[in-house]
Amino acid sequence: MAYRNGTYVAFHANGTNIPGKSDIDYYNLMKAWTAKTDDEFTMNNSHDKATAVRDSSKKATLQASLLERLRNSKNMVLIIGETTLLDDDWVPFEIAKAVDTYQIPIIAAYTGIEKPIRNPSALSAFWPSALATRIVNGTANVIHIPFKKAALMDAISQFSHNVLPAGGGLGIYNDEAYRAFGIQD
């Protein structure tokens, strides 16, 4: 059995790794926060635990690597930006395996949202269909947060395959938590 202590980060790469062109920027920001030694933000990155593969690798090789990373994960951060729902291959695959196979909670982190999220259903237009389907059918456990360091740090440290967010697929933080994160209306 795998030792499940990692955080798996999923994002729409939009076919590029060029800065400013995809949500990989947010993933790289999370890695920078983790690398910074004078900061409290920590993340045991599941992507560092498996053999690296190149974008040119065969699909079966990529899938095997992603599955190994998910198998070792306690949760998934799903970076949701304006184009995430357009991803029709890797993000849906990652969501399906995270929820259906490994039963890990999803931390839906919305880019461009600056305020507390109190009604995640209002953001459903940004959800990839793989996420929307699992929220509607009740199989996904999701906490919806703005892409902010304090909220991410709390969710990553708190939620796992053993500790799921309250609210099923529509989990949210309360106003007290948002005040503690420094996120206000």
Protein backbone atom coordinates (compact mmCIF):
# COMPACT_ATOMS: atom_id res chain seq x y z
CA MET A 1 0.00 0.00 0.00
CA ALA A 2 1.23 3.48 -0.87
CA TYR A 3 2.20 5.99 1.77
CA ARG A 4 -0.35 8.74 1.07
CA ASN A 5 1.11 12.01 2.29
CA GLY A 6 1.47 14.05 -0.88
CA THR A 7 -0.53 16.82 -2.46
CA TYR A 8 -1.33 16.29 -6.12
CA VAL A 9 -1.74 19.50 -8.11
CA ALA A 10 -3.87 19.45 -11.27
CA PHE A 11 -4.15 22.35 -13.69
CA HIS A 12 -4.86 23.07 -17.33
CA ALA A 13 -1.47 23.49 -19.01
CA ASN A 14 -3.12 24.71 -22.22
CA GLY A 15 -0.51 22.80 -24.22
CA THR A 16 2.38 24.95 -23.02
CA ASN A 17 4.81 25.52 -20.18
CA ILE A 18 5.54 29.10 -21.20
CA PRO A 19 5.02 31.51 -18.29
CA GLY A 20 1.91 33.65 -18.62
CA LYS A 21 0.21 31.26 -21.01
CA SER A 22 -1.39 28.71 -18.67
CA ASP A 23 -2.27 27.78 -15.10
CA ILE A 24 1.20 26.25 -14.72
CA ASP A 25 2.12 29.70 -13.33
CA TYR A 26 -0.03 29.03 -10.26
CA TYR A 27 1.52 25.59 -9.79
CA ASN A 28 4.98 27.15 -10.02
CA LEU A 29 3.94 29.76 -7.46
CA MET A 30 2.96 26.97 -5.05
CA LYS A 31 6.34 25.33 -5.58
CA ALA A 32 8.08 28.67 -4.91
CA TRP A 33 6.11 29.15 -1.69
CA THR A 34 7.19 25.67 -0.58
CA ALA A 35 10.84 26.27 -1.46
CA LYS A 36 10.97 29.52 0.49
CA THR A 37 12.55 28.61 3.84
CA ASP A 38 11.35 31.71 5.72
CA ASP A 39 7.71 30.94 5.05
CA GLU A 40 5.14 28.69 6.72
CA PHE A 41 3.72 27.32 3.45
CA THR A 42 4.56 23.66 3.01
CA MET A 43 3.42 21.10 0.51
CA ASN A 44 4.65 17.57 0.04
CA ASN A 45 4.42 17.68 -3.75
CA SER A 46 3.30 14.36 -5.24
CA HIS A 47 4.82 15.36 -8.57
CA ASP A 48 8.27 15.17 -6.98
CA LYS A 49 7.71 11.55 -5.91
CA ALA A 50 7.41 9.84 -9.28
CA THR A 51 9.57 9.54 -12.33
CA ALA A 52 9.42 12.66 -14.44
CA VAL A 53 8.01 12.30 -17.90
CA ARG A 54 8.19 14.64 -20.84
CA ASP A 55 5.17 15.97 -22.73
CA SER A 56 6.34 13.92 -25.68
CA SER A 57 6.06 10.65 -23.73
CA LYS A 58 3.50 8.13 -24.83
CA LYS A 59 0.04 8.54 -23.33
CA ALA A 60 0.29 5.20 -21.48
CA THR A 61 3.59 6.29 -19.89
CA LEU A 62 2.08 9.60 -18.80
CA GLN A 63 -1.00 7.88 -17.36
CA ALA A 64 1.12 5.41 -15.39
CA SER A 65 3.18 8.25 -13.91
CA LEU A 66 0.08 10.28 -13.00
CA LEU A 67 -1.53 7.24 -11.37
CA GLU A 68 1.60 6.61 -9.29
CA ARG A 69 1.51 10.22 -8.11
CA LEU A 70 -2.20 10.06 -7.28
CA ARG A 71 -1.73 6.77 -5.41
CA ASN A 72 0.72 8.54 -3.09
CA SER A 73 -1.51 11.56 -2.52
CA LYS A 74 -3.70 12.50 0.43
CA ASN A 75 -5.46 15.32 -1.45
CA MET A 76 -5.61 17.14 -4.77
CA VAL A 77 -5.38 20.86 -5.42
CA LEU A 78 -7.31 21.59 -8.60
CA ILE A 79 -6.31 25.01 -9.91
CA ILE A 80 -9.38 26.39 -11.62
CA GLY A 81 -8.86 29.26 -14.04
CA GLU A 82 -10.76 30.61 -17.01
CA THR A 83 -9.71 27.76 -19.33
CA THR A 84 -9.69 24.76 -16.98
CA LEU A 85 -13.03 23.45 -18.23
CA LEU A 86 -11.61 23.38 -21.77
CA ASP A 87 -9.11 20.66 -20.87
CA ASP A 88 -10.52 17.47 -22.35
CA ASP A 89 -7.77 15.00 -21.53
CA TRP A 90 -5.51 15.22 -18.46
CA VAL A 91 -7.58 17.27 -15.98
CA PRO A 92 -10.70 15.09 -16.44
CA PHE A 93 -8.54 11.97 -16.14
CA GLU A 94 -6.91 13.29 -12.93
CA ILE A 95 -10.26 14.27 -11.38
CA ALA A 96 -11.85 10.92 -12.24
CA LYS A 97 -8.99 8.91 -10.74
CA ALA A 98 -8.69 11.14 -7.65
CA VAL A 99 -12.38 10.77 -6.83
CA ASP A 100 -13.38 7.36 -8.24
CA THR A 101 -10.23 5.34 -7.56
CA TYR A 102 -8.32 6.98 -4.72
CA GLN A 103 -11.17 8.78 -2.88
CA ILE A 104 -9.09 11.86 -2.16
CA PRO A 105 -10.65 15.25 -1.53
CA ILE A 106 -10.28 18.05 -4.01
CA ILE A 107 -9.22 21.53 -2.99
CA ALA A 108 -10.75 23.64 -5.77
CA ALA A 109 -8.60 26.79 -5.84
CA TYR A 110 -10.04 29.50 -8.07
CA THR A 111 -7.66 31.96 -9.71
CA GLY A 112 -8.90 35.51 -10.00
CA ILE A 113 -11.23 35.19 -7.00
CA GLU A 114 -10.28 37.61 -4.25
CA LYS A 115 -13.26 37.24 -1.88
CA PRO A 116 -14.59 34.44 0.31
CA ILE A 117 -16.45 31.74 -1.60
CA ARG A 118 -19.82 31.18 0.03
CA ASN A 119 -21.78 29.69 -2.86
CA PRO A 120 -19.61 27.34 -4.92
CA SER A 121 -22.52 26.50 -7.22
CA ALA A 122 -22.27 30.06 -8.55
CA LEU A 123 -18.85 29.09 -9.92
CA SER A 124 -20.08 25.95 -11.68
CA ALA A 125 -19.49 27.55 -15.09
CA PHE A 126 -15.75 27.12 -14.40
CA TRP A 127 -15.97 23.44 -13.42
CA PRO A 128 -14.63 20.80 -15.79
CA SER A 129 -17.41 18.33 -16.57
CA ALA A 130 -15.57 15.57 -14.68
CA LEU A 131 -15.80 17.68 -11.52
CA ALA A 132 -19.36 18.87 -12.12
CA THR A 133 -20.60 15.31 -12.65
CA ARG A 134 -19.00 14.09 -9.42
CA ILE A 135 -20.30 17.02 -7.40
CA VAL A 136 -23.84 16.45 -8.70
CA ASN A 137 -23.74 12.67 -8.13
CA GLY A 138 -22.30 13.12 -4.62
CA THR A 139 -19.03 11.23 -5.08
CA ALA A 140 -16.64 14.19 -4.86
CA ASN A 141 -15.56 15.80 -1.60
CA VAL A 142 -14.52 19.35 -2.45
CA ILE A 143 -13.56 22.48 -0.53
CA HIS A 144 -13.90 25.60 -2.70
CA ILE A 145 -11.42 28.42 -1.99
CA PRO A 146 -9.84 31.40 -3.69
CA PHE A 147 -6.28 30.76 -4.87
CA LYS A 148 -4.72 32.43 -1.82
CA LYS A 149 -1.70 31.21 0.12
CA ALA A 150 -3.31 31.10 3.61
CA ALA A 151 -6.42 29.27 2.43
CA LEU A 152 -4.35 26.78 0.41
CA MET A 153 -1.99 26.17 3.31
CA ASP A 154 -4.89 25.43 5.65
CA ALA A 155 -6.72 23.16 3.21
CA ILE A 156 -3.59 21.21 2.26
CA SER A 157 -2.69 20.63 5.91
CA GLN A 158 -6.25 19.81 7.00
CA PHE A 159 -7.93 17.68 4.34
CA SER A 160 -6.94 14.18 3.29
CA HIS A 161 -8.36 10.81 2.33
CA ASN A 162 -8.93 10.36 6.09
CA VAL A 163 -10.33 13.86 6.81
CA LEU A 164 -12.81 15.05 4.21
CA PRO A 165 -14.23 18.56 3.93
CA ALA A 166 -17.76 19.02 5.25
CA GLY A 167 -20.42 19.74 2.66
CA GLY A 168 -19.68 16.96 0.17
CA GLY A 169 -18.93 18.51 -3.20
CA LEU A 170 -19.88 22.01 -2.09
CA GLY A 171 -17.63 22.48 0.94
CA ILE A 172 -16.72 26.01 2.02
CA TYR A 173 -14.87 27.76 4.82
CA ASN A 174 -16.85 29.89 7.26
CA ASP A 175 -16.41 33.64 7.71
CA GLU A 176 -14.23 33.16 10.79
CA ALA A 177 -11.75 31.08 8.78
CA TYR A 178 -11.69 33.66 6.00
CA ARG A 179 -10.97 36.42 8.55
CA ALA A 180 -8.07 34.33 9.88
CA PHE A 181 -6.79 33.95 6.28
CA GLY A 182 -7.01 37.73 5.77
CA ILE A 183 -9.56 37.28 2.96
CA GLN A 184 -12.51 39.65 3.21
CA ASP A 185 -15.38 40.97 1.10
